[in-house]
Amino acid sequence: MGKPLKRSTIYFDPELHRALRLRAAHANRSLSEIVNDAVRELLAEDQEDLAAFDERVAEPELSYQDLLDDLKAHGKI
């Protein structure tokens, strides 16, 4: 048996709640399963974003002004 589940109260916008209930019923899943999967996906995306930042940490920074100057110098603006 897995870890015990934690209970939490979440307040949904009524239309979102209705859509989630319909989605859960259509997929023959619980609302909790749908929400847990969505949160896992969001956290995985955050982890990917943080990894991308770590990969780019050594890249030189370019100020907005320098970017505009470079675009103008190359006839892009």
PDB file of N, CA and C in Angstrom:
ATOM      1  N   MET A   1       0.838  -1.178   0.000  1.00  0.00           N
ATOM      2  CA  MET A   1       0.000   0.000   0.000  1.00  0.00           C
ATOM      3  C   MET A   1       0.879   1.237   0.000  1.00  0.00           C
ATOM      4  N   GLY A   2       0.475   2.306  -0.714  1.00  0.00           N
ATOM      5  CA  GLY A   2       1.262   3.530  -0.835  1.00  0.00           C
ATOM      6  C   GLY A   2       1.180   4.388   0.399  1.00  0.00           C
ATOM      7  N   LYS A   3       1.770   5.542   0.271  1.00  0.00           N
ATOM      8  CA  LYS A   3       1.740   6.511   1.364  1.00  0.00           C
ATOM      9  C   LYS A   3       0.301   6.950   1.620  1.00  0.00           C
ATOM     10  N   PRO A   4      -0.015   7.284   2.864  1.00  0.00           N
ATOM     11  CA  PRO A   4      -1.368   7.780   3.138  1.00  0.00           C
ATOM     12  C   PRO A   4      -1.591   9.117   2.425  1.00  0.00           C
ATOM     13  N   LEU A   5      -2.784   9.311   1.939  1.00  0.00           N
ATOM     14  CA  LEU A   5      -3.115  10.537   1.226  1.00  0.00           C
ATOM     15  C   LEU A   5      -3.369  11.672   2.204  1.00  0.00           C
ATOM     16  N   LYS A   6      -3.108  12.885   1.762  1.00  0.00           N
ATOM     17  CA  LYS A   6      -3.373  14.082   2.554  1.00  0.00           C
ATOM     18  C   LYS A   6      -4.655  14.722   2.041  1.00  0.00           C
ATOM     19  N   ARG A   7      -5.436  15.210   2.938  1.00  0.00           N
ATOM     20  CA  ARG A   7      -6.695  15.853   2.591  1.00  0.00           C
ATOM     21  C   ARG A   7      -6.496  17.363   2.596  1.00  0.00           C
ATOM     22  N   SER A   8      -7.113  18.028   1.632  1.00  0.00           N
ATOM     23  CA  SER A   8      -7.014  19.472   1.539  1.00  0.00           C
ATOM     24  C   SER A   8      -8.323  20.027   0.991  1.00  0.00           C
ATOM     25  N   THR A   9      -8.620  21.256   1.348  1.00  0.00           N
ATOM     26  CA  THR A   9      -9.806  21.916   0.820  1.00  0.00           C
ATOM     27  C   THR A   9      -9.363  22.887  -0.256  1.00  0.00           C
ATOM     28  N   ILE A  10      -9.976  22.762  -1.422  1.00  0.00           N
ATOM     29  CA  ILE A  10      -9.677  23.646  -2.542  1.00  0.00           C
ATOM     30  C   ILE A  10     -10.987  24.289  -2.973  1.00  0.00           C
ATOM     31  N   TYR A  11     -10.958  25.586  -3.183  1.00  0.00           N
ATOM     32  CA  TYR A  11     -12.143  26.303  -3.630  1.00  0.00           C
ATOM     33  C   TYR A  11     -12.003  26.581  -5.118  1.00  0.00           C
ATOM     34  N   PHE A  12     -12.911  26.015  -5.914  1.00  0.00           N
ATOM     35  CA  PHE A  12     -12.892  26.195  -7.355  1.00  0.00           C
ATOM     36  C   PHE A  12     -13.942  27.207  -7.786  1.00  0.00           C
ATOM     37  N   ASP A  13     -13.647  27.893  -8.856  1.00  0.00           N
ATOM     38  CA  ASP A  13     -14.654  28.659  -9.548  1.00  0.00           C
ATOM     39  C   ASP A  13     -15.753  27.666  -9.951  1.00  0.00           C
ATOM     40  N   PRO A  14     -17.018  28.027  -9.781  1.00  0.00           N
ATOM     41  CA  PRO A  14     -18.094  27.065 -10.053  1.00  0.00           C
ATOM     42  C   PRO A  14     -18.046  26.441 -11.454  1.00  0.00           C
ATOM     43  N   GLU A  15     -17.710  27.234 -12.468  1.00  0.00           N
ATOM     44  CA  GLU A  15     -17.645  26.683 -13.819  1.00  0.00           C
ATOM     45  C   GLU A  15     -16.495  25.695 -13.974  1.00  0.00           C
ATOM     46  N   LEU A  16     -15.356  26.009 -13.335  1.00  0.00           N
ATOM     47  CA  LEU A  16     -14.225  25.077 -13.378  1.00  0.00           C
ATOM     48  C   LEU A  16     -14.569  23.782 -12.657  1.00  0.00           C
ATOM     49  N   HIS A  17     -15.241  23.910 -11.536  1.00  0.00           N
ATOM     50  CA  HIS A  17     -15.622  22.719 -10.772  1.00  0.00           C
ATOM     51  C   HIS A  17     -16.549  21.831 -11.594  1.00  0.00           C
ATOM     52  N   ARG A  18     -17.505  22.438 -12.264  1.00  0.00           N
ATOM     53  CA  ARG A  18     -18.423  21.676 -13.111  1.00  0.00           C
ATOM     54  C   ARG A  18     -17.656  20.974 -14.233  1.00  0.00           C
ATOM     55  N   ALA A  19     -16.733  21.701 -14.871  1.00  0.00           N
ATOM     56  CA  ALA A  19     -15.942  21.116 -15.951  1.00  0.00           C
ATOM     57  C   ALA A  19     -15.084  19.962 -15.436  1.00  0.00           C
ATOM     58  N   LEU A  20     -14.486  20.126 -14.272  1.00  0.00           N
ATOM     59  CA  LEU A  20     -13.664  19.061 -13.689  1.00  0.00           C
ATOM     60  C   LEU A  20     -14.506  17.835 -13.357  1.00  0.00           C
ATOM     61  N   ARG A  21     -15.682  18.055 -12.791  1.00  0.00           N
ATOM     62  CA  ARG A  21     -16.563  16.924 -12.473  1.00  0.00           C
ATOM     63  C   ARG A  21     -16.958  16.170 -13.731  1.00  0.00           C
ATOM     64  N   LEU A  22     -17.302  16.919 -14.782  1.00  0.00           N
ATOM     65  CA  LEU A  22     -17.666  16.272 -16.042  1.00  0.00           C
ATOM     66  C   LEU A  22     -16.477  15.516 -16.642  1.00  0.00           C
ATOM     67  N   ARG A  23     -15.304  16.139 -16.588  1.00  0.00           N
ATOM     68  CA  ARG A  23     -14.083  15.483 -17.103  1.00  0.00           C
ATOM     69  C   ARG A  23     -13.806  14.201 -16.328  1.00  0.00           C
ATOM     70  N   ALA A  24     -13.902  14.259 -15.019  1.00  0.00           N
ATOM     71  CA  ALA A  24     -13.652  13.091 -14.179  1.00  0.00           C
ATOM     72  C   ALA A  24     -14.655  11.990 -14.486  1.00  0.00           C
ATOM     73  N   ALA A  25     -15.917  12.339 -14.628  1.00  0.00           N
ATOM     74  CA  ALA A  25     -16.940  11.336 -14.932  1.00  0.00           C
ATOM     75  C   ALA A  25     -16.707  10.724 -16.306  1.00  0.00           C
ATOM     76  N   HIS A  26     -16.367  11.571 -17.273  1.00  0.00           N
ATOM     77  CA  HIS A  26     -16.128  11.092 -18.634  1.00  0.00           C
ATOM     78  C   HIS A  26     -14.929  10.131 -18.681  1.00  0.00           C
ATOM     79  N   ALA A  27     -13.912  10.427 -17.878  1.00  0.00           N
ATOM     80  CA  ALA A  27     -12.697   9.604 -17.854  1.00  0.00           C
ATOM     81  C   ALA A  27     -12.789   8.471 -16.831  1.00  0.00           C
ATOM     82  N   ASN A  28     -13.931   8.397 -16.123  1.00  0.00           N
ATOM     83  CA  ASN A  28     -14.102   7.381 -15.077  1.00  0.00           C
ATOM     84  C   ASN A  28     -12.976   7.464 -14.034  1.00  0.00           C
ATOM     85  N   ARG A  29     -12.678   8.693 -13.633  1.00  0.00           N
ATOM     86  CA  ARG A  29     -11.633   8.953 -12.644  1.00  0.00           C
ATOM     87  C   ARG A  29     -12.201   9.880 -11.582  1.00  0.00           C
ATOM     88  N   SER A  30     -11.520   9.973 -10.468  1.00  0.00           N
ATOM     89  CA  SER A  30     -11.966  10.880  -9.414  1.00  0.00           C
ATOM     90  C   SER A  30     -11.440  12.289  -9.686  1.00  0.00           C
ATOM     91  N   LEU A  31     -12.118  13.256  -9.083  1.00  0.00           N
ATOM     92  CA  LEU A  31     -11.666  14.634  -9.172  1.00  0.00           C
ATOM     93  C   LEU A  31     -10.253  14.765  -8.605  1.00  0.00           C
ATOM     94  N   SER A  32      -9.991  14.051  -7.523  1.00  0.00           N
ATOM     95  CA  SER A  32      -8.657  14.087  -6.910  1.00  0.00           C
ATOM     96  C   SER A  32      -7.583  13.594  -7.872  1.00  0.00           C
ATOM     97  N   GLU A  33      -7.872  12.535  -8.614  1.00  0.00           N
ATOM     98  CA  GLU A  33      -6.894  12.024  -9.588  1.00  0.00           C
ATOM     99  C   GLU A  33      -6.603  13.065 -10.669  1.00  0.00           C
ATOM    100  N   ILE A  34      -7.660  13.712 -11.156  1.00  0.00           N
ATOM    101  CA  ILE A  34      -7.493  14.734 -12.191  1.00  0.00           C
ATOM    102  C   ILE A  34      -6.642  15.888 -11.663  1.00  0.00           C
ATOM    103  N   VAL A  35      -6.949  16.369 -10.468  1.00  0.00           N
ATOM    104  CA  VAL A  35      -6.208  17.492  -9.886  1.00  0.00           C
ATOM    105  C   VAL A  35      -4.767  17.089  -9.576  1.00  0.00           C
ATOM    106  N   ASN A  36      -4.563  15.909  -8.997  1.00  0.00           N
ATOM    107  CA  ASN A  36      -3.201  15.452  -8.702  1.00  0.00           C
ATOM    108  C   ASN A  36      -2.360  15.365  -9.966  1.00  0.00           C
ATOM    109  N   ASP A  37      -2.937  14.835 -11.045  1.00  0.00           N
ATOM    110  CA  ASP A  37      -2.193  14.740 -12.308  1.00  0.00           C
ATOM    111  C   ASP A  37      -1.838  16.120 -12.845  1.00  0.00           C
ATOM    112  N   ALA A  38      -2.779  17.072 -12.749  1.00  0.00           N
ATOM    113  CA  ALA A  38      -2.517  18.431 -13.219  1.00  0.00           C
ATOM    114  C   ALA A  38      -1.405  19.095 -12.404  1.00  0.00           C
ATOM    115  N   VAL A  39      -1.410  18.884 -11.102  1.00  0.00           N
ATOM    116  CA  VAL A  39      -0.372  19.462 -10.247  1.00  0.00           C
ATOM    117  C   VAL A  39       0.982  18.818 -10.550  1.00  0.00           C
ATOM    118  N   ARG A  40       0.992  17.496 -10.735  1.00  0.00           N
ATOM    119  CA  ARG A  40       2.250  16.821 -11.095  1.00  0.00           C
ATOM    120  C   ARG A  40       2.817  17.383 -12.395  1.00  0.00           C
ATOM    121  N   GLU A  41       1.940  17.596 -13.379  1.00  0.00           N
ATOM    122  CA  GLU A  41       2.381  18.134 -14.667  1.00  0.00           C
ATOM    123  C   GLU A  41       2.943  19.538 -14.505  1.00  0.00           C
ATOM    124  N   LEU A  42       2.275  20.367 -13.715  1.00  0.00           N
ATOM    125  CA  LEU A  42       2.754  21.720 -13.460  1.00  0.00           C
ATOM    126  C   LEU A  42       4.127  21.706 -12.784  1.00  0.00           C
ATOM    127  N   LEU A  43       4.294  20.845 -11.786  1.00  0.00           N
ATOM    128  CA  LEU A  43       5.577  20.760 -11.079  1.00  0.00           C
ATOM    129  C   LEU A  43       6.677  20.235 -11.993  1.00  0.00           C
ATOM    130  N   ALA A  44       6.352  19.291 -12.876  1.00  0.00           N
ATOM    131  CA  ALA A  44       7.334  18.768 -13.830  1.00  0.00           C
ATOM    132  C   ALA A  44       7.781  19.873 -14.791  1.00  0.00           C
ATOM    133  N   GLU A  45       6.829  20.703 -15.235  1.00  0.00           N
ATOM    134  CA  GLU A  45       7.179  21.830 -16.099  1.00  0.00           C
ATOM    135  C   GLU A  45       8.088  22.811 -15.359  1.00  0.00           C
ATOM    136  N   ASP A  46       7.789  23.068 -14.091  1.00  0.00           N
ATOM    137  CA  ASP A  46       8.654  23.949 -13.302  1.00  0.00           C
ATOM    138  C   ASP A  46      10.065  23.378 -13.208  1.00  0.00           C
ATOM    139  N   GLN A  47      10.165  22.072 -12.994  1.00  0.00           N
ATOM    140  CA  GLN A  47      11.473  21.428 -12.897  1.00  0.00           C
ATOM    141  C   GLN A  47      12.230  21.555 -14.214  1.00  0.00           C
ATOM    142  N   GLU A  48      11.540  21.393 -15.325  1.00  0.00           N
ATOM    143  CA  GLU A  48      12.180  21.550 -16.636  1.00  0.00           C
ATOM    144  C   GLU A  48      12.652  22.985 -16.843  1.00  0.00           C
ATOM    145  N   ASP A  49      11.829  23.959 -16.425  1.00  0.00           N
ATOM    146  CA  ASP A  49      12.210  25.364 -16.555  1.00  0.00           C
ATOM    147  C   ASP A  49      13.450  25.667 -15.724  1.00  0.00           C
ATOM    148  N   LEU A  50      13.491  25.168 -14.505  1.00  0.00           N
ATOM    149  CA  LEU A  50      14.656  25.404 -13.647  1.00  0.00           C
ATOM    150  C   LEU A  50      15.906  24.768 -14.228  1.00  0.00           C
ATOM    151  N   ALA A  51      15.761  23.588 -14.805  1.00  0.00           N
ATOM    152  CA  ALA A  51      16.905  22.928 -15.439  1.00  0.00           C
ATOM    153  C   ALA A  51      17.396  23.753 -16.628  1.00  0.00           C
ATOM    154  N   ALA A  52      16.475  24.319 -17.391  1.00  0.00           N
ATOM    155  CA  ALA A  52      16.865  25.156 -18.527  1.00  0.00           C
ATOM    156  C   ALA A  52      17.605  26.402 -18.051  1.00  0.00           C
ATOM    157  N   PHE A  53      17.148  26.995 -16.956  1.00  0.00           N
ATOM    158  CA  PHE A  53      17.856  28.147 -16.403  1.00  0.00           C
ATOM    159  C   PHE A  53      19.272  27.754 -15.993  1.00  0.00           C
ATOM    160  N   ASP A  54      19.417  26.601 -15.344  1.00  0.00           N
ATOM    161  CA  ASP A  54      20.744  26.139 -14.920  1.00  0.00           C
ATOM    162  C   ASP A  54      21.667  25.939 -16.113  1.00  0.00           C
ATOM    163  N   GLU A  55      21.121  25.434 -17.226  1.00  0.00           N
ATOM    164  CA  GLU A  55      21.933  25.211 -18.420  1.00  0.00           C
ATOM    165  C   GLU A  55      22.409  26.524 -19.036  1.00  0.00           C
ATOM    166  N   ARG A  56      21.652  27.583 -18.830  1.00  0.00           N
ATOM    167  CA  ARG A  56      21.966  28.863 -19.472  1.00  0.00           C
ATOM    168  C   ARG A  56      22.639  29.856 -18.532  1.00  0.00           C
ATOM    169  N   VAL A  57      22.980  29.427 -17.327  1.00  0.00           N
ATOM    170  CA  VAL A  57      23.514  30.352 -16.326  1.00  0.00           C
ATOM    171  C   VAL A  57      24.822  31.015 -16.791  1.00  0.00           C
ATOM    172  N   ALA A  58      25.615  30.345 -17.624  1.00  0.00           N
ATOM    173  CA  ALA A  58      26.900  30.893 -18.060  1.00  0.00           C
ATOM    174  C   ALA A  58      26.778  31.804 -19.286  1.00  0.00           C
ATOM    175  N   GLU A  59      25.592  31.900 -19.863  1.00  0.00           N
ATOM    176  CA  GLU A  59      25.419  32.752 -21.029  1.00  0.00           C
ATOM    177  C   GLU A  59      25.549  34.215 -20.630  1.00  0.00           C
ATOM    178  N   PRO A  60      26.148  35.014 -21.512  1.00  0.00           N
ATOM    179  CA  PRO A  60      26.282  36.436 -21.182  1.00  0.00           C
ATOM    180  C   PRO A  60      24.915  37.119 -21.179  1.00  0.00           C
ATOM    181  N   GLU A  61      24.791  38.105 -20.320  1.00  0.00           N
ATOM    182  CA  GLU A  61      23.544  38.871 -20.258  1.00  0.00           C
ATOM    183  C   GLU A  61      23.599  39.988 -21.278  1.00  0.00           C
ATOM    184  N   LEU A  62      22.445  40.327 -21.814  1.00  0.00           N
ATOM    185  CA  LEU A  62      22.329  41.398 -22.791  1.00  0.00           C
ATOM    186  C   LEU A  62      21.221  42.324 -22.305  1.00  0.00           C
ATOM    187  N   SER A  63      21.564  43.587 -22.140  1.00  0.00           N
ATOM    188  CA  SER A  63      20.545  44.528 -21.670  1.00  0.00           C
ATOM    189  C   SER A  63      19.532  44.785 -22.778  1.00  0.00           C
ATOM    190  N   TYR A  64      18.387  45.263 -22.398  1.00  0.00           N
ATOM    191  CA  TYR A  64      17.343  45.575 -23.367  1.00  0.00           C
ATOM    192  C   TYR A  64      17.839  46.632 -24.357  1.00  0.00           C
ATOM    193  N   GLN A  65      18.537  47.626 -23.838  1.00  0.00           N
ATOM    194  CA  GLN A  65      19.077  48.689 -24.699  1.00  0.00           C
ATOM    195  C   GLN A  65      20.063  48.107 -25.706  1.00  0.00           C
ATOM    196  N   ASP A  66      20.954  47.224 -25.242  1.00  0.00           N
ATOM    197  CA  ASP A  66      21.913  46.602 -26.152  1.00  0.00           C
ATOM    198  C   ASP A  66      21.208  45.745 -27.204  1.00  0.00           C
ATOM    199  N   LEU A  67      20.156  45.065 -26.808  1.00  0.00           N
ATOM    200  CA  LEU A  67      19.391  44.264 -27.751  1.00  0.00           C
ATOM    201  C   LEU A  67      18.778  45.155 -28.827  1.00  0.00           C
ATOM    202  N   LEU A  68      18.160  46.261 -28.408  1.00  0.00           N
ATOM    203  CA  LEU A  68      17.576  47.187 -29.378  1.00  0.00           C
ATOM    204  C   LEU A  68      18.628  47.777 -30.303  1.00  0.00           C
ATOM    205  N   ASP A  69      19.778  48.141 -29.735  1.00  0.00           N
ATOM    206  CA  ASP A  69      20.870  48.690 -30.546  1.00  0.00           C
ATOM    207  C   ASP A  69      21.339  47.669 -31.587  1.00  0.00           C
ATOM    208  N   ASP A  70      21.451  46.408 -31.175  1.00  0.00           N
ATOM    209  CA  ASP A  70      21.882  45.342 -32.085  1.00  0.00           C
ATOM    210  C   ASP A  70      20.845  45.118 -33.188  1.00  0.00           C
ATOM    211  N   LEU A  71      19.577  45.106 -32.837  1.00  0.00           N
ATOM    212  CA  LEU A  71      18.522  44.935 -33.840  1.00  0.00           C
ATOM    213  C   LEU A  71      18.536  46.086 -34.838  1.00  0.00           C
ATOM    214  N   LYS A  72      18.747  47.311 -34.349  1.00  0.00           N
ATOM    215  CA  LYS A  72      18.784  48.465 -35.229  1.00  0.00           C
ATOM    216  C   LYS A  72      20.009  48.408 -36.134  1.00  0.00           C
ATOM    217  N   ALA A  73      21.147  48.025 -35.572  1.00  0.00           N
ATOM    218  CA  ALA A  73      22.378  47.947 -36.364  1.00  0.00           C
ATOM    219  C   ALA A  73      22.282  46.936 -37.488  1.00  0.00           C
ATOM    220  N   HIS A  74      21.464  45.903 -37.288  1.00  0.00           N
ATOM    221  CA  HIS A  74      21.308  44.855 -38.301  1.00  0.00           C
ATOM    222  C   HIS A  74      20.049  45.043 -39.148  1.00  0.00           C
ATOM    223  N   GLY A  75      19.451  46.248 -39.061  1.00  0.00           N
ATOM    224  CA  GLY A  75      18.306  46.573 -39.898  1.00  0.00           C
ATOM    225  C   GLY A  75      17.029  45.812 -39.591  1.00  0.00           C
ATOM    226  N   LYS A  76      16.929  45.299 -38.388  1.00  0.00           N
ATOM    227  CA  LYS A  76      15.731  44.523 -38.022  1.00  0.00           C
ATOM    228  C   LYS A  76      14.618  45.402 -37.452  1.00  0.00           C
ATOM    229  N   ILE A  77      15.005  46.595 -36.987  1.00  0.00           N
ATOM    230  CA  ILE A  77      13.986  47.555 -36.536  1.00  0.00           C
ATOM    231  C   ILE A  77      14.350  48.929 -37.052  1.00  0.00           C
TER     232      ILE A  77
END
